[in-house]
């Protein structure tokens, strides 16, 4: 029996089912084929297709299967490897709207290089890969291969997934950085009109902008809904402390360019805010809201 699993990804992967069905109708595959299709709507008169299968039943099917044909999801692949199954893994690709990115391609490639499975990247070669699976002897999976899995995750994260996340993250940070700058400049401008001492004024504007930055960084830029084991006060305190350096940079710039060189106050504020935005992003990214593992 062959078990085909498409996981629970919310995008259809009918491309894989079509090539399997074609092989069955040509007589290349003569075994019984059971499909866990997830959110891929598919009807077939030569395969048993189910959307979601109860866990205990799925485990039994996995145990009984002679071959597992899977999408490139790490969960599906590991589930088969832990049971010592032969696996043909077909990565979902973004160009077919099967996924938001191509990290499954990198995942499947990494597993294949280690000898764990047979990769199906070119669907026109499905029959050849299927025939190869009959004599394929996969590398035995052992639970102490966690270092290997973490290395794969880091590779994917660094090369592909995190590229998207970093761009989204940076763009989000720049947007809220501009908003934080506006809070800072507006506060400074209002207090300046009132006649508050420029250095006192700068301190108050800094405190207000940091409060705004903490909230937007936490919930909208780095998207941490909890404190990762830290108390809220500790996290806020660390956030403020990390920004003290940028505060002194800001104050030093105000003193040098406005106090000594007599530049326009607002021009100096804008210049120093650009510098501070860069420093604060680095502090938030690598000190306060640093994420471990796959992002």
Protein backbone atom coordinates (compact mmCIF):
# COMPACT_ATOMS: atom_id res chain seq x y z
CA UNK A 1 0.00 0.00 0.00
CA UNK A 2 1.15 3.54 -0.81
CA UNK A 3 0.24 6.39 1.50
CA UNK A 4 0.16 9.88 0.05
CA UNK A 5 0.11 12.73 2.54
CA UNK A 6 -0.29 16.41 1.71
CA UNK A 7 -0.32 17.62 5.30
CA UNK A 8 -2.61 20.40 6.50
CA UNK A 9 -1.25 23.24 4.37
CA UNK A 10 -4.21 25.42 3.38
CA UNK A 11 -3.18 25.61 -0.29
CA UNK A 12 -4.07 22.86 -2.80
CA UNK A 13 -1.43 20.49 -4.14
CA UNK A 14 -3.40 18.71 -6.87
CA UNK A 15 -0.33 18.76 -9.14
CA UNK A 16 1.12 15.83 -7.17
CA UNK A 17 -2.12 13.85 -7.12
CA UNK A 18 -2.54 14.21 -10.87
CA UNK A 19 0.86 12.70 -11.63
CA UNK A 20 0.23 9.80 -9.21
CA UNK A 21 -3.20 9.12 -10.71
CA UNK A 22 -1.69 9.16 -14.20
CA UNK A 23 0.89 6.55 -13.14
CA UNK A 24 -1.86 4.35 -11.71
CA UNK A 25 -3.91 4.51 -14.90
CA UNK A 26 -0.83 3.65 -16.97
CA UNK A 27 -0.26 0.59 -14.80
CA UNK A 28 3.04 1.87 -13.44
CA UNK A 29 1.58 1.82 -9.93
CA UNK A 30 -0.40 -1.31 -9.17
CA UNK A 31 -0.57 -1.02 -5.40
CA UNK A 32 -3.46 0.42 -3.45
CA UNK A 33 -3.08 4.18 -2.96
CA UNK A 34 -4.60 6.04 -0.03
CA UNK A 35 -4.45 9.83 0.00
CA UNK A 36 -4.65 12.23 2.93
CA UNK A 37 -5.40 15.31 0.84
CA UNK A 38 -5.93 17.94 3.54
CA UNK A 39 -7.25 21.08 1.86
CA UNK A 40 -6.70 19.79 -1.67
CA UNK A 41 -10.11 19.02 -3.19
CA UNK A 42 -9.67 15.98 -5.40
CA UNK A 43 -11.87 13.18 -6.70
CA UNK A 44 -10.47 9.96 -8.08
CA UNK A 45 -11.79 6.56 -9.10
CA UNK A 46 -8.38 4.89 -8.70
CA UNK A 47 -7.29 6.30 -5.33
CA UNK A 48 -8.97 6.46 -1.92
CA UNK A 49 -8.95 10.16 -1.09
CA UNK A 50 -9.67 11.57 2.36
CA UNK A 51 -9.35 15.15 3.50
CA UNK A 52 -8.22 14.61 7.10
CA UNK A 53 -7.67 11.20 8.72
CA UNK A 54 -7.92 10.64 12.51
CA UNK A 55 -4.49 10.47 14.12
CA UNK A 56 -4.70 6.84 15.27
CA UNK A 57 -5.92 5.71 11.84
CA UNK A 58 -3.26 7.76 10.09
CA UNK A 59 -0.56 6.22 12.27
CA UNK A 60 -1.82 2.73 11.35
CA UNK A 61 -1.80 3.58 7.64
CA UNK A 62 1.72 4.96 7.98
CA UNK A 63 2.82 1.78 9.71
CA UNK A 64 1.30 -0.44 7.02
CA UNK A 65 2.52 1.59 4.05
CA UNK A 66 5.32 0.22 1.84
CA UNK A 67 5.98 3.68 0.45
CA UNK A 68 5.06 7.19 1.58
CA UNK A 69 4.71 9.95 -0.98
CA UNK A 70 4.70 13.24 0.84
CA UNK A 71 4.70 16.96 0.25
CA UNK A 72 7.83 18.72 1.54
CA UNK A 73 6.53 19.46 5.03
CA UNK A 74 9.00 18.58 7.78
CA UNK A 75 6.28 17.07 9.97
CA UNK A 76 5.07 14.68 7.28
CA UNK A 77 8.61 13.69 6.33
CA UNK A 78 9.72 13.03 9.90
CA UNK A 79 6.57 11.06 10.66
CA UNK A 80 7.49 8.63 7.87
CA UNK A 81 11.23 8.53 8.57
CA UNK A 82 10.73 7.72 12.25
CA UNK A 83 8.86 4.61 11.15
CA UNK A 84 11.63 3.63 8.75
CA UNK A 85 9.55 4.20 5.63
CA UNK A 86 10.75 4.82 2.11
CA UNK A 87 9.79 8.37 1.22
CA UNK A 88 9.33 10.23 -2.03
CA UNK A 89 9.06 13.91 -1.12
CA UNK A 90 7.63 16.48 -3.52
CA UNK A 91 8.11 20.12 -2.49
CA UNK A 92 5.29 22.59 -2.89
CA UNK A 93 6.32 25.55 -5.05
CA UNK A 94 5.22 29.15 -4.80
CA UNK A 95 5.01 29.61 -8.59
CA UNK A 96 2.07 27.17 -8.62
CA UNK A 97 0.48 28.88 -5.58
CA UNK A 98 1.12 25.73 -3.52
CA UNK A 99 2.96 27.67 -0.83
CA UNK A 100 3.95 31.22 0.03
CA UNK A 101 7.64 30.48 -0.61
CA UNK A 102 9.95 27.67 -1.77
CA UNK A 103 11.42 26.58 1.57
CA UNK A 104 10.08 23.04 1.04
CA UNK A 105 12.39 22.71 -1.96
CA UNK A 106 15.39 23.44 0.25
CA UNK A 107 14.10 21.14 2.97
CA UNK A 108 13.63 18.21 0.61
CA UNK A 109 17.04 18.82 -0.97
CA UNK A 110 18.73 18.81 2.45
CA UNK A 111 17.06 15.54 3.49
CA UNK A 112 17.91 13.95 0.14
CA UNK A 113 21.60 14.92 0.41
CA UNK A 114 21.74 13.01 3.70
CA UNK A 115 20.22 9.92 2.09
CA UNK A 116 16.92 9.98 3.95
CA UNK A 117 14.55 10.17 0.99
CA UNK A 118 14.07 10.47 -2.76
CA UNK A 119 13.31 14.02 -3.94
CA UNK A 120 10.66 14.62 -6.59
CA UNK A 121 11.44 18.06 -8.00
CA UNK A 122 10.63 17.40 -11.65
CA UNK A 123 7.20 15.80 -11.84
CA UNK A 124 7.85 14.54 -15.37
CA UNK A 125 10.31 12.10 -13.77
CA UNK A 126 7.81 10.69 -11.28
CA UNK A 127 7.71 7.21 -12.85
CA UNK A 128 11.52 6.99 -12.83
CA UNK A 129 11.66 8.06 -9.16
CA UNK A 130 8.90 5.60 -8.30
CA UNK A 131 10.82 2.72 -9.89
CA UNK A 132 13.96 3.80 -8.04
CA UNK A 133 12.05 3.70 -4.75
CA UNK A 134 11.62 -0.07 -5.08
CA UNK A 135 15.33 -0.63 -4.46
CA UNK A 136 16.03 2.52 -2.45
CA UNK A 137 17.40 1.96 1.03
CA UNK A 138 16.93 5.11 3.12
CA UNK A 139 19.36 6.15 5.80
CA UNK A 140 17.98 5.11 9.17
CA UNK A 141 16.55 8.00 11.13
CA UNK A 142 17.71 8.30 14.73
CA UNK A 143 16.35 10.69 17.33
CA UNK A 144 19.83 12.05 18.00
CA UNK A 145 19.81 13.68 14.57
CA UNK A 146 18.34 16.84 16.08
CA UNK A 147 21.53 18.73 15.27
CA UNK A 148 21.03 17.84 11.62
CA UNK A 149 17.43 19.04 11.70
CA UNK A 150 18.40 22.28 13.41
CA UNK A 151 21.09 22.83 10.80
CA UNK A 152 18.48 22.37 8.08
CA UNK A 153 16.17 24.83 9.80
CA UNK A 154 18.96 27.41 10.09
CA UNK A 155 19.92 26.91 6.43
CA UNK A 156 16.35 27.39 5.25
CA UNK A 157 15.87 30.30 7.62
CA UNK A 158 19.04 32.06 6.49
CA UNK A 159 18.64 31.42 2.78
CA UNK A 160 14.92 31.76 2.13
CA UNK A 161 12.27 32.08 4.83
CA UNK A 162 14.05 34.68 6.86
CA UNK A 163 14.81 36.68 3.69
CA UNK A 164 11.09 37.31 3.35
CA UNK A 165 10.69 37.81 7.09
CA UNK A 166 13.62 40.17 7.28
CA UNK A 167 12.26 42.30 4.44
CA UNK A 168 8.82 42.36 6.00
CA UNK A 169 10.36 43.03 9.38
CA UNK A 170 12.61 45.83 8.13
CA UNK A 171 9.81 47.50 6.18
CA UNK A 172 7.52 47.23 9.19
CA UNK A 173 10.25 48.64 11.43
CA UNK A 174 10.88 51.53 9.05
CA UNK A 175 7.17 52.38 9.00
CA UNK A 176 6.86 52.37 12.79
CA UNK A 177 10.28 54.00 13.02
CA UNK A 178 8.90 56.92 11.04
CA UNK A 179 5.86 56.98 13.34
CA UNK A 180 8.15 56.93 16.39
CA UNK A 181 10.18 59.76 14.87
CA UNK A 182 7.00 61.77 14.35
CA UNK A 183 6.07 61.21 18.01
CA UNK A 184 9.54 62.38 19.01
CA UNK A 185 9.60 65.40 16.71
CA UNK A 186 6.04 66.43 17.47
CA UNK A 187 6.65 66.21 21.22
CA UNK A 188 9.89 68.18 20.83
CA UNK A 189 8.20 70.83 18.68
CA UNK A 190 5.25 71.29 21.07
CA UNK A 191 7.48 71.55 24.14
CA UNK A 192 9.81 73.90 22.28
CA UNK A 193 6.89 76.19 21.51
CA UNK A 194 5.98 76.16 25.20
CA UNK A 195 9.53 77.27 25.98
CA UNK A 196 10.88 74.16 27.68
CA UNK A 197 14.68 73.89 27.92
CA UNK A 198 15.91 72.04 24.78
CA UNK A 199 17.70 69.32 26.76
CA UNK A 200 14.75 68.71 29.12
CA UNK A 201 12.51 68.85 26.10
CA UNK A 202 14.65 66.25 24.30
CA UNK A 203 14.51 63.92 27.31
CA UNK A 204 10.70 64.06 27.56
CA UNK A 205 10.34 63.52 23.80
CA UNK A 206 12.71 60.56 24.05
CA UNK A 207 10.69 58.91 26.86
CA UNK A 208 7.42 59.28 24.94
CA UNK A 209 8.93 57.94 21.72
CA UNK A 210 10.51 54.95 23.49
CA UNK A 211 7.16 54.00 25.04
CA UNK A 212 5.58 54.15 21.59
CA UNK A 213 8.50 52.20 20.09
CA UNK A 214 8.28 49.44 22.71
CA UNK A 215 4.61 48.78 21.99
CA UNK A 216 4.98 48.84 18.19
CA UNK A 217 8.22 46.81 18.18
CA UNK A 218 6.79 44.13 20.43
CA UNK A 219 3.41 43.61 18.83
CA UNK A 220 3.79 44.71 15.20
CA UNK A 221 7.43 44.48 14.11
CA UNK A 222 8.88 41.45 15.92
CA UNK A 223 5.40 40.06 16.74
CA UNK A 224 6.01 38.75 20.24
CA UNK A 225 2.69 38.40 22.03
CA UNK A 226 4.34 37.12 25.19
CA UNK A 227 7.54 37.94 27.05
CA UNK A 228 9.39 34.67 26.30
CA UNK A 229 9.70 33.77 29.98
CA UNK A 230 10.59 37.29 31.10
CA UNK A 231 8.37 39.55 33.15
CA UNK A 232 6.83 42.49 31.35
CA UNK A 233 8.67 44.98 33.58
CA UNK A 234 11.97 43.22 32.95
CA UNK A 235 11.42 43.28 29.20
CA UNK A 236 10.40 46.93 29.25
CA UNK A 237 13.36 47.77 31.46
CA UNK A 238 15.74 45.99 29.09
CA UNK A 239 14.16 47.81 26.16
CA UNK A 240 14.68 51.20 27.82
CA UNK A 241 18.22 50.36 28.90
CA UNK A 242 19.14 49.28 25.39
CA UNK A 243 17.94 52.65 24.14
CA UNK A 244 19.87 54.72 26.67
CA UNK A 245 22.89 54.52 24.39
CA UNK A 246 20.88 55.95 21.50
CA UNK A 247 19.54 58.60 23.89
CA UNK A 248 23.07 59.74 24.70
CA UNK A 249 23.91 59.71 20.99
CA UNK A 250 20.86 61.90 20.40
CA UNK A 251 21.80 64.27 23.24
CA UNK A 252 25.42 64.42 22.07
CA UNK A 253 24.30 65.25 18.55
CA UNK A 254 22.01 67.99 19.85
CA UNK A 255 24.85 69.44 21.94
CA UNK A 256 27.43 69.33 19.13
CA UNK A 257 25.34 70.41 16.15
CA UNK A 258 22.94 72.77 17.92
CA UNK A 259 24.84 73.87 21.03
CA UNK A 260 28.27 74.27 19.46
CA UNK A 261 27.76 74.56 15.72
CA UNK A 262 24.44 76.43 16.01
CA UNK A 263 22.61 74.34 13.43
CA UNK A 264 18.82 74.56 13.20
CA UNK A 265 17.26 72.60 16.09
CA UNK A 266 14.68 70.77 14.00
CA UNK A 267 17.26 69.89 11.33
CA UNK A 268 19.49 68.41 14.04
CA UNK A 269 16.55 66.46 15.48
CA UNK A 270 15.74 64.95 12.09
CA UNK A 271 19.38 64.01 11.46
CA UNK A 272 19.82 62.40 14.87
CA UNK A 273 16.52 60.53 14.56
CA UNK A 274 17.81 58.81 11.42
CA UNK A 275 20.89 57.67 13.34
CA UNK A 276 18.78 56.60 16.32
CA UNK A 277 16.36 54.58 14.15
CA UNK A 278 19.27 52.48 12.86
CA UNK A 279 20.77 51.97 16.33
CA UNK A 280 17.40 51.08 17.85
CA UNK A 281 16.60 48.54 15.14
CA UNK A 282 19.86 46.71 15.79
CA UNK A 283 19.19 46.75 19.55
CA UNK A 284 15.64 45.43 19.15
CA UNK A 285 16.61 42.82 16.57
CA UNK A 286 19.56 41.31 18.40
CA UNK A 287 18.99 42.09 22.09
CA UNK A 288 15.35 42.58 23.06
CA UNK A 289 13.15 40.62 20.67
CA UNK A 290 15.71 38.18 19.35
CA UNK A 291 14.10 35.02 18.00
CA UNK A 292 15.70 31.60 18.20
CA UNK A 293 15.29 28.81 15.70
CA UNK A 294 13.18 29.12 12.63
CA UNK A 295 11.40 32.42 12.28
